[in-house]
Amino acid sequence: MANLNIKLVKSLNGRLEKQVATAHSLGLRKIGDITVQPDNDQTRGKIAKIGYMLQVTEVK
């Protein structure tokens, strides 16, 4: 199963509470934070909500 490398590239300041909570649920707290998450529907849904703040790459 593939994994996704997710990096926060935009600030969470001034964002809606739901967007900040979504970033925190991915393990992202500040700009430059990187996390590796499984490539599944739940993770893809979170990325869809705040994708404009993220840089996502696939890791095999």
N, C-alpha and C. Protein backbone atom coordinates (compact mmCIF):
# COMPACT_ATOMS: atom_id res chain seq x y z
N MET A 1 0.84 -1.18 0.00
CA MET A 1 0.00 0.00 0.00
C MET A 1 0.89 1.25 0.00
N ALA A 2 0.53 2.22 -0.80
CA ALA A 2 1.31 3.44 -0.93
C ALA A 2 1.02 4.39 0.24
N ASN A 3 1.97 5.25 0.49
CA ASN A 3 1.83 6.29 1.50
C ASN A 3 1.93 7.65 0.83
N LEU A 4 1.44 8.66 1.52
CA LEU A 4 1.52 10.03 1.03
C LEU A 4 2.39 10.87 1.95
N ASN A 5 3.30 11.61 1.36
CA ASN A 5 4.13 12.56 2.08
C ASN A 5 3.41 13.90 2.02
N ILE A 6 2.99 14.44 3.15
CA ILE A 6 2.18 15.65 3.18
C ILE A 6 2.95 16.74 3.92
N LYS A 7 3.10 17.90 3.25
CA LYS A 7 3.84 19.02 3.84
C LYS A 7 2.94 20.25 3.88
N LEU A 8 2.93 20.94 5.02
CA LEU A 8 2.16 22.17 5.17
C LEU A 8 2.98 23.33 4.62
N VAL A 9 2.46 24.02 3.59
CA VAL A 9 3.22 25.09 2.95
C VAL A 9 2.60 26.47 3.15
N LYS A 10 1.39 26.52 3.69
CA LYS A 10 0.76 27.81 3.99
C LYS A 10 0.35 27.85 5.46
N SER A 11 0.32 29.04 6.01
CA SER A 11 0.03 29.23 7.43
C SER A 11 -1.41 28.87 7.78
N LEU A 12 -1.59 28.46 9.03
CA LEU A 12 -2.93 28.18 9.55
C LEU A 12 -3.58 29.42 10.17
N ASN A 13 -2.84 30.50 10.28
CA ASN A 13 -3.37 31.73 10.87
C ASN A 13 -4.52 32.28 10.03
N GLY A 14 -5.61 32.63 10.68
CA GLY A 14 -6.76 33.22 10.01
C GLY A 14 -7.65 32.22 9.29
N ARG A 15 -7.38 30.94 9.41
CA ARG A 15 -8.20 29.92 8.76
C ARG A 15 -9.39 29.56 9.64
N LEU A 16 -10.39 28.94 9.05
CA LEU A 16 -11.54 28.48 9.81
C LEU A 16 -11.13 27.39 10.79
N GLU A 17 -11.86 27.27 11.89
CA GLU A 17 -11.54 26.26 12.91
C GLU A 17 -11.52 24.85 12.33
N LYS A 18 -12.44 24.55 11.44
CA LYS A 18 -12.48 23.21 10.84
C LYS A 18 -11.23 22.93 10.01
N GLN A 19 -10.72 23.95 9.32
CA GLN A 19 -9.52 23.76 8.52
C GLN A 19 -8.30 23.53 9.40
N VAL A 20 -8.21 24.27 10.49
CA VAL A 20 -7.10 24.09 11.43
C VAL A 20 -7.19 22.70 12.07
N ALA A 21 -8.40 22.28 12.43
CA ALA A 21 -8.59 20.96 13.03
C ALA A 21 -8.21 19.85 12.05
N THR A 22 -8.52 20.04 10.78
CA THR A 22 -8.15 19.05 9.77
C THR A 22 -6.64 18.95 9.64
N ALA A 23 -5.96 20.08 9.63
CA ALA A 23 -4.49 20.07 9.56
C ALA A 23 -3.90 19.38 10.79
N HIS A 24 -4.44 19.67 11.96
CA HIS A 24 -3.95 19.05 13.18
C HIS A 24 -4.20 17.54 13.17
N SER A 25 -5.32 17.11 12.59
CA SER A 25 -5.61 15.68 12.54
C SER A 25 -4.63 14.95 11.62
N LEU A 26 -4.03 15.68 10.69
CA LEU A 26 -3.00 15.11 9.83
C LEU A 26 -1.62 15.18 10.49
N GLY A 27 -1.52 15.84 11.63
CA GLY A 27 -0.24 15.96 12.32
C GLY A 27 0.55 17.17 11.89
N LEU A 28 -0.11 18.16 11.30
CA LEU A 28 0.56 19.36 10.81
C LEU A 28 0.22 20.54 11.72
N ARG A 29 1.23 21.15 12.29
CA ARG A 29 1.01 22.25 13.24
C ARG A 29 1.54 23.58 12.72
N LYS A 30 2.68 23.59 12.03
CA LYS A 30 3.26 24.83 11.55
C LYS A 30 3.85 24.64 10.17
N ILE A 31 4.15 25.74 9.49
CA ILE A 31 4.68 25.69 8.13
C ILE A 31 5.96 24.86 8.11
N GLY A 32 6.04 23.97 7.13
CA GLY A 32 7.22 23.13 6.99
C GLY A 32 7.09 21.76 7.62
N ASP A 33 6.05 21.55 8.42
CA ASP A 33 5.82 20.23 9.03
C ASP A 33 5.51 19.21 7.93
N ILE A 34 6.09 18.03 8.09
CA ILE A 34 5.88 16.94 7.12
C ILE A 34 5.39 15.72 7.87
N THR A 35 4.43 15.02 7.29
CA THR A 35 3.92 13.79 7.87
C THR A 35 3.71 12.77 6.75
N VAL A 36 3.82 11.51 7.10
CA VAL A 36 3.55 10.43 6.16
C VAL A 36 2.26 9.74 6.60
N GLN A 37 1.28 9.71 5.69
CA GLN A 37 -0.03 9.15 5.99
C GLN A 37 -0.34 8.06 4.96
N PRO A 38 -1.16 7.08 5.34
CA PRO A 38 -1.57 6.05 4.36
C PRO A 38 -2.46 6.66 3.28
N ASP A 39 -2.35 6.12 2.08
CA ASP A 39 -3.16 6.61 0.96
C ASP A 39 -4.50 5.88 0.98
N ASN A 40 -5.47 6.46 1.71
CA ASN A 40 -6.81 5.87 1.78
C ASN A 40 -7.86 6.98 1.62
N ASP A 41 -9.12 6.59 1.62
CA ASP A 41 -10.19 7.56 1.39
C ASP A 41 -10.25 8.64 2.46
N GLN A 42 -9.99 8.26 3.71
CA GLN A 42 -10.04 9.22 4.81
C GLN A 42 -8.98 10.30 4.64
N THR A 43 -7.77 9.90 4.32
CA THR A 43 -6.69 10.86 4.13
C THR A 43 -6.95 11.72 2.90
N ARG A 44 -7.43 11.11 1.82
CA ARG A 44 -7.73 11.86 0.60
C ARG A 44 -8.82 12.91 0.84
N GLY A 45 -9.79 12.60 1.69
CA GLY A 45 -10.84 13.56 2.02
C GLY A 45 -10.30 14.75 2.78
N LYS A 46 -9.39 14.51 3.70
CA LYS A 46 -8.77 15.60 4.46
C LYS A 46 -7.95 16.49 3.53
N ILE A 47 -7.22 15.86 2.62
CA ILE A 47 -6.42 16.62 1.66
C ILE A 47 -7.32 17.46 0.77
N ALA A 48 -8.47 16.94 0.40
CA ALA A 48 -9.40 17.68 -0.46
C ALA A 48 -9.91 18.94 0.24
N LYS A 49 -10.08 18.88 1.56
CA LYS A 49 -10.60 20.02 2.32
C LYS A 49 -9.59 21.16 2.41
N ILE A 50 -8.30 20.83 2.58
CA ILE A 50 -7.29 21.88 2.77
C ILE A 50 -6.13 21.74 1.79
N GLY A 51 -6.41 21.20 0.64
CA GLY A 51 -5.37 20.92 -0.35
C GLY A 51 -4.57 22.13 -0.79
N TYR A 52 -5.18 23.32 -0.79
CA TYR A 52 -4.48 24.52 -1.22
C TYR A 52 -3.38 24.95 -0.25
N MET A 53 -3.37 24.36 0.96
CA MET A 53 -2.33 24.68 1.95
C MET A 53 -1.25 23.60 2.01
N LEU A 54 -1.39 22.55 1.20
CA LEU A 54 -0.52 21.39 1.31
C LEU A 54 0.27 21.13 0.04
N GLN A 55 1.38 20.42 0.21
CA GLN A 55 2.14 19.85 -0.90
C GLN A 55 2.14 18.35 -0.67
N VAL A 56 1.60 17.59 -1.60
CA VAL A 56 1.43 16.15 -1.42
C VAL A 56 2.23 15.40 -2.47
N THR A 57 3.04 14.43 -2.01
CA THR A 57 3.78 13.55 -2.92
C THR A 57 3.55 12.12 -2.50
N GLU A 58 3.60 11.20 -3.46
CA GLU A 58 3.37 9.79 -3.18
C GLU A 58 4.70 9.11 -2.86
N VAL A 59 4.70 8.29 -1.81
CA VAL A 59 5.87 7.52 -1.41
C VAL A 59 5.52 6.06 -1.55
N LYS A 60 6.41 5.27 -2.14
CA LYS A 60 6.12 3.86 -2.34
C LYS A 60 6.62 3.02 -1.21
